[in-house]
PDB file of N, CA and C in Angstrom:
ATOM      1  N   MET A   1     -12.743  10.126  -3.093  1.00  0.00           N
ATOM      2  CA  MET A   1     -11.856   9.668  -4.079  1.00  0.00           C
ATOM      3  C   MET A   1     -11.672  10.905  -4.909  1.00  0.00           C
ATOM      4  N   LEU A   2      -9.880  11.062  -5.198  1.00  0.00           N
ATOM      5  CA  LEU A   2      -9.576  12.255  -5.810  1.00  0.00           C
ATOM      6  C   LEU A   2      -9.487  12.120  -7.329  1.00  0.00           C
ATOM      7  N   SER A   3     -10.133  13.251  -7.860  1.00  0.00           N
ATOM      8  CA  SER A   3      -9.541  13.091  -9.256  1.00  0.00           C
ATOM      9  C   SER A   3      -8.094  13.406  -9.567  1.00  0.00           C
ATOM     10  N   GLU A   4      -7.677  12.726 -11.344  1.00  0.00           N
ATOM     11  CA  GLU A   4      -6.369  12.822 -11.344  1.00  0.00           C
ATOM     12  C   GLU A   4      -5.512  13.847 -11.376  1.00  0.00           C
ATOM     13  N   MET A   5      -6.322  15.107 -12.038  1.00  0.00           N
ATOM     14  CA  MET A   5      -5.708  16.370 -11.941  1.00  0.00           C
ATOM     15  C   MET A   5      -5.504  17.148 -10.127  1.00  0.00           C
ATOM     16  N   ASN A   6      -6.172  16.476  -9.218  1.00  0.00           N
ATOM     17  CA  ASN A   6      -5.555  16.489  -7.733  1.00  0.00           C
ATOM     18  C   ASN A   6      -5.238  15.936  -7.263  1.00  0.00           C
ATOM     19  N   TYR A   7      -3.803  15.009  -7.858  1.00  0.00           N
ATOM     20  CA  TYR A   7      -2.858  14.153  -7.374  1.00  0.00           C
ATOM     21  C   TYR A   7      -1.516  15.022  -7.428  1.00  0.00           C
ATOM     22  N   PRO A   8      -0.812  14.701  -6.532  1.00  0.00           N
ATOM     23  CA  PRO A   8       0.798  15.616  -6.366  1.00  0.00           C
ATOM     24  C   PRO A   8       1.298  14.768  -7.255  1.00  0.00           C
ATOM     25  N   GLU A   9       2.594  15.225  -7.605  1.00  0.00           N
ATOM     26  CA  GLU A   9       3.656  14.609  -7.947  1.00  0.00           C
ATOM     27  C   GLU A   9       3.951  13.477  -7.527  1.00  0.00           C
ATOM     28  N   LYS A  10       4.569  12.325  -8.242  1.00  0.00           N
ATOM     29  CA  LYS A  10       5.097  10.845  -7.263  1.00  0.00           C
ATOM     30  C   LYS A  10       5.731  11.696  -6.445  1.00  0.00           C
ATOM     31  N   SER A  11       6.052  10.357  -5.462  1.00  0.00           N
ATOM     32  CA  SER A  11       7.547  11.176  -4.491  1.00  0.00           C
ATOM     33  C   SER A  11       8.457   9.518  -4.685  1.00  0.00           C
ATOM     34  N   CYS A  12       8.108   8.584  -5.658  1.00  0.00           N
ATOM     35  CA  CYS A  12       8.847   7.669  -5.902  1.00  0.00           C
ATOM     36  C   CYS A  12       7.719   6.798  -7.182  1.00  0.00           C
ATOM     37  N   GLU A  13       9.051   6.034  -7.535  1.00  0.00           N
ATOM     38  CA  GLU A  13       8.526   5.229  -8.538  1.00  0.00           C
ATOM     39  C   GLU A  13       7.600   4.103  -8.759  1.00  0.00           C
ATOM     40  N   ILE A  14       6.914   3.722  -9.025  1.00  0.00           N
ATOM     41  CA  ILE A  14       5.993   2.592  -9.299  1.00  0.00           C
ATOM     42  C   ILE A  14       6.780   0.915  -8.678  1.00  0.00           C
ATOM     43  N   ASP A  15       7.599   1.085  -9.247  1.00  0.00           N
ATOM     44  CA  ASP A  15       8.467   0.027  -8.758  1.00  0.00           C
ATOM     45  C   ASP A  15       8.851  -0.112  -7.128  1.00  0.00           C
ATOM     46  N   ARG A  16       8.932   0.916  -6.376  1.00  0.00           N
ATOM     47  CA  ARG A  16       9.016   0.666  -5.411  1.00  0.00           C
ATOM     48  C   ARG A  16       8.145   0.389  -4.336  1.00  0.00           C
ATOM     49  N   LEU A  17       6.940   0.242  -4.967  1.00  0.00           N
ATOM     50  CA  LEU A  17       5.747   0.413  -3.975  1.00  0.00           C
ATOM     51  C   LEU A  17       5.429  -1.114  -3.250  1.00  0.00           C
ATOM     52  N   VAL A  18       5.759  -2.262  -3.623  1.00  0.00           N
ATOM     53  CA  VAL A  18       5.525  -3.223  -3.004  1.00  0.00           C
ATOM     54  C   VAL A  18       7.296  -4.162  -3.199  1.00  0.00           C
ATOM     55  N   THR A  19       8.031  -3.978  -2.036  1.00  0.00           N
ATOM     56  CA  THR A  19       9.545  -4.427  -2.448  1.00  0.00           C
ATOM     57  C   THR A  19       9.936  -5.711  -1.687  1.00  0.00           C
ATOM     58  N   HIS A  20       9.167  -5.785   0.041  1.00  0.00           N
ATOM     59  CA  HIS A  20       9.665  -6.302   0.940  1.00  0.00           C
ATOM     60  C   HIS A  20       9.186  -7.865   0.468  1.00  0.00           C
ATOM     61  N   PRO A  21      10.345  -9.005   0.143  1.00  0.00           N
ATOM     62  CA  PRO A  21      10.067 -10.403  -0.497  1.00  0.00           C
ATOM     63  C   PRO A  21       8.669 -11.075   0.411  1.00  0.00           C
ATOM     64  N   LYS A  22       8.300 -11.154   1.225  1.00  0.00           N
ATOM     65  CA  LYS A  22       7.214 -11.119   2.331  1.00  0.00           C
ATOM     66  C   LYS A  22       5.581 -10.937   1.594  1.00  0.00           C
ATOM     67  N   LEU A  23       6.260  -9.525   1.090  1.00  0.00           N
ATOM     68  CA  LEU A  23       4.819  -8.869   0.827  1.00  0.00           C
ATOM     69  C   LEU A  23       4.663  -9.235  -0.610  1.00  0.00           C
ATOM     70  N   VAL A  24       5.602  -9.622  -1.526  1.00  0.00           N
ATOM     71  CA  VAL A  24       5.813  -9.417  -2.681  1.00  0.00           C
ATOM     72  C   VAL A  24       4.958 -11.083  -3.174  1.00  0.00           C
ATOM     73  N   GLU A  25       5.379 -11.707  -2.154  1.00  0.00           N
ATOM     74  CA  GLU A  25       5.029 -13.104  -2.362  1.00  0.00           C
ATOM     75  C   GLU A  25       3.332 -13.314  -1.894  1.00  0.00           C
ATOM     76  N   SER A  26       3.065 -12.279  -0.904  1.00  0.00           N
ATOM     77  CA  SER A  26       1.362 -12.052  -0.327  1.00  0.00           C
ATOM     78  C   SER A  26       0.528 -11.659  -1.568  1.00  0.00           C
ATOM     79  N   ALA A  27       1.145 -10.285  -2.347  1.00  0.00           N
ATOM     80  CA  ALA A  27       1.011  -9.898  -3.537  1.00  0.00           C
ATOM     81  C   ALA A  27       0.728 -10.963  -4.741  1.00  0.00           C
ATOM     82  N   LEU A  28       1.345 -12.154  -5.081  1.00  0.00           N
ATOM     83  CA  LEU A  28       1.565 -12.854  -5.847  1.00  0.00           C
ATOM     84  C   LEU A  28       0.380 -14.175  -5.423  1.00  0.00           C
ATOM     85  N   SER A  29       0.291 -14.068  -4.269  1.00  0.00           N
ATOM     86  CA  SER A  29      -1.129 -15.173  -4.068  1.00  0.00           C
ATOM     87  C   SER A  29      -2.413 -14.708  -4.047  1.00  0.00           C
ATOM     88  N   GLY A  30      -2.466 -13.192  -4.044  1.00  0.00           N
ATOM     89  CA  GLY A  30      -3.674 -12.580  -4.262  1.00  0.00           C
ATOM     90  C   GLY A  30      -4.075 -12.161  -2.695  1.00  0.00           C
ATOM     91  N   THR A  31      -2.851 -12.080  -1.555  1.00  0.00           N
ATOM     92  CA  THR A  31      -3.670 -11.977  -0.156  1.00  0.00           C
ATOM     93  C   THR A  31      -3.218 -10.458  -0.231  1.00  0.00           C
ATOM     94  N   LYS A  32      -2.379 -10.228  -0.895  1.00  0.00           N
ATOM     95  CA  LYS A  32      -2.356  -8.350  -0.349  1.00  0.00           C
ATOM     96  C   LYS A  32      -2.635  -8.178  -1.653  1.00  0.00           C
ATOM     97  N   THR A  33      -3.559  -6.859  -1.351  1.00  0.00           N
ATOM     98  CA  THR A  33      -3.837  -6.162  -2.555  1.00  0.00           C
ATOM     99  C   THR A  33      -4.417  -4.205  -2.477  1.00  0.00           C
ATOM    100  N   GLN A  34      -3.213  -4.342  -1.415  1.00  0.00           N
ATOM    101  CA  GLN A  34      -3.207  -2.929  -0.879  1.00  0.00           C
ATOM    102  C   GLN A  34      -1.572  -2.509   0.045  1.00  0.00           C
ATOM    103  N   GLN A  35      -1.378  -1.284  -0.439  1.00  0.00           N
ATOM    104  CA  GLN A  35       0.357  -0.622  -0.065  1.00  0.00           C
ATOM    105  C   GLN A  35       0.008   0.630   0.368  1.00  0.00           C
ATOM    106  N   ARG A  36       0.082   0.762   1.775  1.00  0.00           N
ATOM    107  CA  ARG A  36       0.240   2.186   1.993  1.00  0.00           C
ATOM    108  C   ARG A  36       1.659   3.077   2.147  1.00  0.00           C
ATOM    109  N   ARG A  37       1.663   4.252   1.814  1.00  0.00           N
ATOM    110  CA  ARG A  37       2.952   4.868   1.962  1.00  0.00           C
ATOM    111  C   ARG A  37       2.712   6.042   2.466  1.00  0.00           C
ATOM    112  N   ASP A  38       3.924   6.772   2.666  1.00  0.00           N
ATOM    113  CA  ASP A  38       3.633   8.119   2.819  1.00  0.00           C
ATOM    114  C   ASP A  38       3.831   9.085   1.588  1.00  0.00           C
ATOM    115  N   GLY A  39       4.069   8.318   0.598  1.00  0.00           N
ATOM    116  CA  GLY A  39       4.824   9.059  -0.271  1.00  0.00           C
ATOM    117  C   GLY A  39       3.534   8.545  -1.539  1.00  0.00           C
ATOM    118  N   LEU A  40       3.141   9.454  -2.428  1.00  0.00           N
ATOM    119  CA  LEU A  40       2.583   8.718  -3.724  1.00  0.00           C
ATOM    120  C   LEU A  40       3.248   8.138  -4.696  1.00  0.00           C
ATOM    121  N   TYR A  41       3.290   6.465  -4.908  1.00  0.00           N
ATOM    122  CA  TYR A  41       4.171   6.355  -5.735  1.00  0.00           C
ATOM    123  C   TYR A  41       3.680   6.077  -6.773  1.00  0.00           C
ATOM    124  N   ALA A  42       2.047   5.926  -7.079  1.00  0.00           N
ATOM    125  CA  ALA A  42       1.454   5.422  -8.653  1.00  0.00           C
ATOM    126  C   ALA A  42       0.354   6.188  -8.518  1.00  0.00           C
ATOM    127  N   TYR A  43      -0.308   6.162  -9.591  1.00  0.00           N
ATOM    128  CA  TYR A  43      -1.452   6.958 -10.042  1.00  0.00           C
ATOM    129  C   TYR A  43      -2.798   5.551 -10.949  1.00  0.00           C
ATOM    130  N   PRO A  44      -3.784   5.589 -10.246  1.00  0.00           N
ATOM    131  CA  PRO A  44      -4.408   4.409 -11.049  1.00  0.00           C
ATOM    132  C   PRO A  44      -4.550   4.766 -12.343  1.00  0.00           C
ATOM    133  N   GLY A  45      -4.057   3.198 -12.549  1.00  0.00           N
ATOM    134  CA  GLY A  45      -4.181   2.897 -14.314  1.00  0.00           C
ATOM    135  C   GLY A  45      -2.671   2.230 -14.200  1.00  0.00           C
ATOM    136  N   GLU A  46      -1.834   2.684 -13.873  1.00  0.00           N
ATOM    137  CA  GLU A  46      -0.581   2.656 -13.938  1.00  0.00           C
ATOM    138  C   GLU A  46      -0.078   1.322 -12.998  1.00  0.00           C
ATOM    139  N   SER A  47       0.883   0.213 -13.792  1.00  0.00           N
ATOM    140  CA  SER A  47       0.569  -0.979 -13.622  1.00  0.00           C
ATOM    141  C   SER A  47       2.467  -1.244 -13.298  1.00  0.00           C
ATOM    142  N   PHE A  48       3.138  -2.457 -12.421  1.00  0.00           N
ATOM    143  CA  PHE A  48       3.879  -3.088 -12.218  1.00  0.00           C
ATOM    144  C   PHE A  48       4.171  -4.557 -12.083  1.00  0.00           C
ATOM    145  N   THR A  49       5.474  -5.036 -12.319  1.00  0.00           N
ATOM    146  CA  THR A  49       5.474  -5.823 -12.533  1.00  0.00           C
ATOM    147  C   THR A  49       6.343  -6.734 -11.077  1.00  0.00           C
ATOM    148  N   LEU A  50       5.669  -7.855 -10.657  1.00  0.00           N
ATOM    149  CA  LEU A  50       6.445  -8.317  -9.403  1.00  0.00           C
ATOM    150  C   LEU A  50       6.609 -10.382  -9.730  1.00  0.00           C
ATOM    151  N   LYS A  51       7.955 -10.515 -10.253  1.00  0.00           N
ATOM    152  CA  LYS A  51       8.493 -11.911 -10.805  1.00  0.00           C
ATOM    153  C   LYS A  51       7.441 -12.178 -12.223  1.00  0.00           C
ATOM    154  N   ASN A  52       7.963 -11.538 -12.775  1.00  0.00           N
ATOM    155  CA  ASN A  52       6.680 -11.607 -14.369  1.00  0.00           C
ATOM    156  C   ASN A  52       5.551 -11.449 -14.121  1.00  0.00           C
ATOM    157  N   VAL A  53       4.963 -11.036 -13.192  1.00  0.00           N
ATOM    158  CA  VAL A  53       3.454 -10.872 -12.443  1.00  0.00           C
ATOM    159  C   VAL A  53       3.085  -9.645 -13.100  1.00  0.00           C
ATOM    160  N   LEU A  54       1.882  -8.850 -14.059  1.00  0.00           N
ATOM    161  CA  LEU A  54       1.694  -7.644 -14.199  1.00  0.00           C
ATOM    162  C   LEU A  54       0.272  -7.626 -13.090  1.00  0.00           C
ATOM    163  N   PHE A  55       0.335  -6.283 -12.588  1.00  0.00           N
ATOM    164  CA  PHE A  55      -0.303  -5.838 -11.428  1.00  0.00           C
ATOM    165  C   PHE A  55      -0.829  -5.006 -12.094  1.00  0.00           C
ATOM    166  N   THR A  56      -1.974  -4.163 -11.942  1.00  0.00           N
ATOM    167  CA  THR A  56      -2.639  -2.989 -12.298  1.00  0.00           C
ATOM    168  C   THR A  56      -2.976  -1.835 -10.986  1.00  0.00           C
ATOM    169  N   VAL A  57      -2.787  -0.536 -10.641  1.00  0.00           N
ATOM    170  CA  VAL A  57      -3.477   0.039  -9.840  1.00  0.00           C
ATOM    171  C   VAL A  57      -4.651   0.477  -9.586  1.00  0.00           C
ATOM    172  N   THR A  58      -5.341  -0.053  -8.687  1.00  0.00           N
ATOM    173  CA  THR A  58      -6.815   0.205  -9.210  1.00  0.00           C
ATOM    174  C   THR A  58      -7.327   1.288  -8.953  1.00  0.00           C
ATOM    175  N   ALA A  59      -6.903   1.836  -7.953  1.00  0.00           N
ATOM    176  CA  ALA A  59      -7.618   2.892  -6.765  1.00  0.00           C
ATOM    177  C   ALA A  59      -6.033   3.888  -5.996  1.00  0.00           C
ATOM    178  N   VAL A  60      -6.259   4.550  -5.517  1.00  0.00           N
ATOM    179  CA  VAL A  60      -5.433   5.270  -4.862  1.00  0.00           C
ATOM    180  C   VAL A  60      -6.408   6.670  -4.089  1.00  0.00           C
ATOM    181  N   ASP A  61      -6.249   5.944  -2.639  1.00  0.00           N
ATOM    182  CA  ASP A  61      -6.638   6.997  -1.992  1.00  0.00           C
ATOM    183  C   ASP A  61      -5.936   8.097  -0.899  1.00  0.00           C
ATOM    184  N   ARG A  62      -5.945   8.788  -0.314  1.00  0.00           N
ATOM    185  CA  ARG A  62      -5.663   9.490   1.085  1.00  0.00           C
ATOM    186  C   ARG A  62      -6.443   8.952   2.356  1.00  0.00           C
ATOM    187  N   LYS A  63      -5.461   8.562   2.975  1.00  0.00           N
ATOM    188  CA  LYS A  63      -6.466   8.239   3.958  1.00  0.00           C
ATOM    189  C   LYS A  63      -5.593   8.514   5.593  1.00  0.00           C
ATOM    190  N   THR A  64      -6.009   7.946   6.750  1.00  0.00           N
ATOM    191  CA  THR A  64      -5.469   8.392   8.040  1.00  0.00           C
ATOM    192  C   THR A  64      -5.245   6.800   8.296  1.00  0.00           C
ATOM    193  N   LEU A  65      -4.034   6.701   9.223  1.00  0.00           N
ATOM    194  CA  LEU A  65      -3.687   5.153  10.075  1.00  0.00           C
ATOM    195  C   LEU A  65      -4.891   4.962  11.188  1.00  0.00           C
ATOM    196  N   GLY A  66      -5.820   6.080  11.231  1.00  0.00           N
ATOM    197  CA  GLY A  66      -6.677   5.567  11.836  1.00  0.00           C
ATOM    198  C   GLY A  66      -8.006   5.328  11.147  1.00  0.00           C
ATOM    199  N   ASP A  67      -7.967   5.205   9.482  1.00  0.00           N
ATOM    200  CA  ASP A  67      -8.863   4.685   8.855  1.00  0.00           C
ATOM    201  C   ASP A  67      -8.940   3.388   9.460  1.00  0.00           C
ATOM    202  N   MET A  68      -7.586   2.542   9.373  1.00  0.00           N
ATOM    203  CA  MET A  68      -7.377   1.389   8.934  1.00  0.00           C
ATOM    204  C   MET A  68      -8.311   0.470   9.664  1.00  0.00           C
ATOM    205  N   THR A  69      -8.926  -1.191   9.223  1.00  0.00           N
ATOM    206  CA  THR A  69      -9.684  -1.455  10.132  1.00  0.00           C
ATOM    207  C   THR A  69      -8.575  -3.229   9.813  1.00  0.00           C
ATOM    208  N   ASP A  70      -9.129  -3.771  10.450  1.00  0.00           N
ATOM    209  CA  ASP A  70      -8.601  -5.410  10.595  1.00  0.00           C
ATOM    210  C   ASP A  70      -8.887  -5.727   8.915  1.00  0.00           C
ATOM    211  N   ASP A  71     -10.035  -5.618   8.063  1.00  0.00           N
ATOM    212  CA  ASP A  71      -9.575  -5.925   6.706  1.00  0.00           C
ATOM    213  C   ASP A  71      -8.951  -4.901   6.247  1.00  0.00           C
ATOM    214  N   ASP A  72      -8.294  -3.811   6.134  1.00  0.00           N
ATOM    215  CA  ASP A  72      -7.275  -3.235   5.506  1.00  0.00           C
ATOM    216  C   ASP A  72      -5.942  -4.263   5.783  1.00  0.00           C
ATOM    217  N   ALA A  73      -5.872  -4.453   7.082  1.00  0.00           N
ATOM    218  CA  ALA A  73      -4.500  -5.288   7.568  1.00  0.00           C
ATOM    219  C   ALA A  73      -4.379  -6.374   6.440  1.00  0.00           C
ATOM    220  N   LYS A  74      -5.684  -7.113   6.511  1.00  0.00           N
ATOM    221  CA  LYS A  74      -5.649  -8.098   5.920  1.00  0.00           C
ATOM    222  C   LYS A  74      -4.944  -7.995   3.997  1.00  0.00           C
ATOM    223  N   ALA A  75      -5.397  -6.878   3.826  1.00  0.00           N
ATOM    224  CA  ALA A  75      -5.589  -6.688   2.722  1.00  0.00           C
ATOM    225  C   ALA A  75      -4.215  -6.120   2.380  1.00  0.00           C
ATOM    226  N   GLU A  76      -3.169  -5.604   3.455  1.00  0.00           N
ATOM    227  CA  GLU A  76      -2.135  -5.158   2.988  1.00  0.00           C
ATOM    228  C   GLU A  76      -1.252  -6.438   3.094  1.00  0.00           C
ATOM    229  N   GLY A  77      -1.589  -7.760   3.816  1.00  0.00           N
ATOM    230  CA  GLY A  77      -0.934  -9.053   3.765  1.00  0.00           C
ATOM    231  C   GLY A  77      -0.787  -9.258   4.817  1.00  0.00           C
ATOM    232  N   TYR A  78      -1.074  -8.831   6.045  1.00  0.00           N
ATOM    233  CA  TYR A  78      -0.850  -8.836   7.737  1.00  0.00           C
ATOM    234  C   TYR A  78      -2.579  -9.812   8.108  1.00  0.00           C
ATOM    235  N   PRO A  79      -2.186 -10.799   8.906  1.00  0.00           N
ATOM    236  CA  PRO A  79      -3.320 -11.552   9.995  1.00  0.00           C
ATOM    237  C   PRO A  79      -4.564 -10.187  10.106  1.00  0.00           C
ATOM    238  N   ASN A  80      -3.896  -9.225  10.739  1.00  0.00           N
ATOM    239  CA  ASN A  80      -5.054  -8.470  11.613  1.00  0.00           C
ATOM    240  C   ASN A  80      -4.553  -7.407  12.165  1.00  0.00           C
ATOM    241  N   MET A  81      -4.702  -6.150  11.949  1.00  0.00           N
ATOM    242  CA  MET A  81      -4.677  -4.871  12.656  1.00  0.00           C
ATOM    243  C   MET A  81      -2.969  -4.516  13.598  1.00  0.00           C
ATOM    244  N   ALA A  82      -3.057  -5.665  14.891  1.00  0.00           N
ATOM    245  CA  ALA A  82      -2.245  -5.317  15.954  1.00  0.00           C
ATOM    246  C   ALA A  82      -0.983  -5.958  14.758  1.00  0.00           C
ATOM    247  N   ALA A  83      -0.693  -7.031  14.175  1.00  0.00           N
ATOM    248  CA  ALA A  83       0.220  -7.312  13.647  1.00  0.00           C
ATOM    249  C   ALA A  83       0.452  -6.707  12.660  1.00  0.00           C
ATOM    250  N   TYR A  84      -0.148  -5.758  11.855  1.00  0.00           N
ATOM    251  CA  TYR A  84       0.520  -4.928  10.989  1.00  0.00           C
ATOM    252  C   TYR A  84       1.275  -3.560  11.812  1.00  0.00           C
ATOM    253  N   LYS A  85       0.326  -3.045  13.057  1.00  0.00           N
ATOM    254  CA  LYS A  85       0.704  -1.920  13.480  1.00  0.00           C
ATOM    255  C   LYS A  85       2.054  -2.258  14.231  1.00  0.00           C
ATOM    256  N   ASP A  86       2.419  -3.818  14.803  1.00  0.00           N
ATOM    257  CA  ASP A  86       3.387  -4.073  15.545  1.00  0.00           C
ATOM    258  C   ASP A  86       4.879  -4.141  14.496  1.00  0.00           C
ATOM    259  N   LEU A  87       4.567  -4.318  13.440  1.00  0.00           N
ATOM    260  CA  LEU A  87       5.677  -4.463  11.739  1.00  0.00           C
ATOM    261  C   LEU A  87       5.991  -3.383  11.872  1.00  0.00           C
ATOM    262  N   ILE A  88       4.868  -2.504  11.535  1.00  0.00           N
ATOM    263  CA  ILE A  88       5.229  -1.272  11.299  1.00  0.00           C
ATOM    264  C   ILE A  88       6.073  -0.496  11.922  1.00  0.00           C
ATOM    265  N   LEU A  89       5.748  -0.412  13.430  1.00  0.00           N
ATOM    266  CA  LEU A  89       6.601   0.343  14.495  1.00  0.00           C
ATOM    267  C   LEU A  89       7.961  -0.430  14.786  1.00  0.00           C
ATOM    268  N   GLN A  90       8.310  -1.724  14.224  1.00  0.00           N
ATOM    269  CA  GLN A  90       9.625  -2.418  14.407  1.00  0.00           C
ATOM    270  C   GLN A  90      10.147  -1.748  13.159  1.00  0.00           C
ATOM    271  N   MET A  91       9.634  -1.309  11.722  1.00  0.00           N
ATOM    272  CA  MET A  91      10.426  -1.183  10.811  1.00  0.00           C
ATOM    273  C   MET A  91      10.977   0.244  10.924  1.00  0.00           C
ATOM    274  N   HIS A  92      10.518   1.088  11.523  1.00  0.00           N
ATOM    275  CA  HIS A  92      10.517   2.449  11.487  1.00  0.00           C
ATOM    276  C   HIS A  92      10.691   2.852  13.098  1.00  0.00           C
ATOM    277  N   ASP A  93      12.096   2.560  13.520  1.00  0.00           N
ATOM    278  CA  ASP A  93      12.694   2.799  15.016  1.00  0.00           C
ATOM    279  C   ASP A  93      12.204   4.212  15.065  1.00  0.00           C
ATOM    280  N   GLY A  94      11.841   4.689  16.621  1.00  0.00           N
ATOM    281  CA  GLY A  94      11.079   5.910  17.233  1.00  0.00           C
ATOM    282  C   GLY A  94       9.896   6.405  16.697  1.00  0.00           C
ATOM    283  N   MET A  95       9.237   5.529  15.869  1.00  0.00           N
ATOM    284  CA  MET A  95       7.858   5.890  15.201  1.00  0.00           C
ATOM    285  C   MET A  95       7.293   5.627  15.939  1.00  0.00           C
ATOM    286  N   GLN A  96       6.130   6.732  16.132  1.00  0.00           N
ATOM    287  CA  GLN A  96       4.670   6.787  17.272  1.00  0.00           C
ATOM    288  C   GLN A  96       2.971   6.063  16.501  1.00  0.00           C
ATOM    289  N   TRP A  97       2.383   5.602  16.856  1.00  0.00           N
ATOM    290  CA  TRP A  97       1.658   5.301  16.058  1.00  0.00           C
ATOM    291  C   TRP A  97       0.606   6.357  15.715  1.00  0.00           C
ATOM    292  N   ASP A  98       0.619   6.937  14.925  1.00  0.00           N
ATOM    293  CA  ASP A  98      -0.433   8.509  15.210  1.00  0.00           C
ATOM    294  C   ASP A  98      -1.475   8.316  14.094  1.00  0.00           C
ATOM    295  N   THR A  99      -3.198   8.057  14.918  1.00  0.00           N
ATOM    296  CA  THR A  99      -4.047   7.901  13.784  1.00  0.00           C
ATOM    297  C   THR A  99      -4.488   9.089  13.088  1.00  0.00           C
ATOM    298  N   SER A 100      -3.917  10.157  13.325  1.00  0.00           N
ATOM    299  CA  SER A 100      -3.754  11.043  12.186  1.00  0.00           C
ATOM    300  C   SER A 100      -3.012  11.088  11.156  1.00  0.00           C
ATOM    301  N   HIS A 101      -2.152  10.430  11.176  1.00  0.00           N
ATOM    302  CA  HIS A 101      -1.411  10.308  10.093  1.00  0.00           C
ATOM    303  C   HIS A 101      -1.505  10.269   8.795  1.00  0.00           C
ATOM    304  N   GLN A 102      -2.010  10.904   7.859  1.00  0.00           N
ATOM    305  CA  GLN A 102      -2.036  10.589   6.512  1.00  0.00           C
ATOM    306  C   GLN A 102      -0.785   9.584   5.524  1.00  0.00           C
ATOM    307  N   VAL A 103      -1.647   8.939   4.840  1.00  0.00           N
ATOM    308  CA  VAL A 103      -0.925   7.784   4.215  1.00  0.00           C
ATOM    309  C   VAL A 103      -1.542   8.210   2.598  1.00  0.00           C
ATOM    310  N   TRP A 104      -1.102   7.307   1.603  1.00  0.00           N
ATOM    311  CA  TRP A 104      -1.501   6.983   0.653  1.00  0.00           C
ATOM    312  C   TRP A 104      -1.732   5.800   0.304  1.00  0.00           C
ATOM    313  N   VAL A 105      -3.177   5.006   0.145  1.00  0.00           N
ATOM    314  CA  VAL A 105      -3.641   3.623  -0.073  1.00  0.00           C
ATOM    315  C   VAL A 105      -3.645   3.425  -1.295  1.00  0.00           C
ATOM    316  N   HIS A 106      -2.495   2.861  -2.078  1.00  0.00           N
ATOM    317  CA  HIS A 106      -2.462   2.275  -3.647  1.00  0.00           C
ATOM    318  C   HIS A 106      -3.364   0.850  -3.236  1.00  0.00           C
ATOM    319  N   GLN A 107      -4.566   0.921  -4.062  1.00  0.00           N
ATOM    320  CA  GLN A 107      -5.255  -0.287  -4.753  1.00  0.00           C
ATOM    321  C   GLN A 107      -4.489  -1.208  -5.428  1.00  0.00           C
ATOM    322  N   PHE A 108      -4.255  -2.380  -5.986  1.00  0.00           N
ATOM    323  CA  PHE A 108      -3.791  -2.958  -7.099  1.00  0.00           C
ATOM    324  C   PHE A 108      -4.468  -4.519  -7.099  1.00  0.00           C
ATOM    325  N   GLU A 109      -4.438  -5.452  -8.161  1.00  0.00           N
ATOM    326  CA  GLU A 109      -4.830  -6.079  -8.567  1.00  0.00           C
ATOM    327  C   GLU A 109      -3.949  -6.727  -9.488  1.00  0.00           C
ATOM    328  N   LYS A 110      -4.083  -8.575  -9.387  1.00  0.00           N
ATOM    329  CA  LYS A 110      -3.223  -8.815 -10.828  1.00  0.00           C
ATOM    330  C   LYS A 110      -4.003  -8.172 -12.582  1.00  0.00           C
ATOM    331  N   THR A 111      -3.311  -8.191 -12.878  1.00  0.00           N
ATOM    332  CA  THR A 111      -3.895  -7.589 -14.855  1.00  0.00           C
ATOM    333  C   THR A 111      -3.776  -9.159 -15.184  1.00  0.00           C
ATOM    334  N   THR A 112      -5.104  -9.739 -15.747  1.00  0.00           N
ATOM    335  CA  THR A 112      -4.707 -10.974 -16.783  1.00  0.00           C
ATOM    336  C   THR A 112      -4.823 -10.937 -17.849  1.00  0.00           C
TER     337      THR A 112
END
């Protein structure tokens, strides 16, 4: 885990962390608790709102695509790793699945 001082400047604002309607619904239902992004969108402790429901980022880690498991894909809101990989490759035309590619894993939970 990185300390707060080791995080780089954010590459995007937190309100862009979860945007796809199906993934918003997954987060609202509690099945989506992670979001992988190429850039850093939030720091631990920051909050964001989806349809008037508050979420707080609980952790942010730097991992590779090869570190992902089926459990991680489920936490992303997908049934398994194969479904996650297929959708990501469809969304990013020409992308190759590179297991050494680093991403920021943003973990979050509903704030009660």
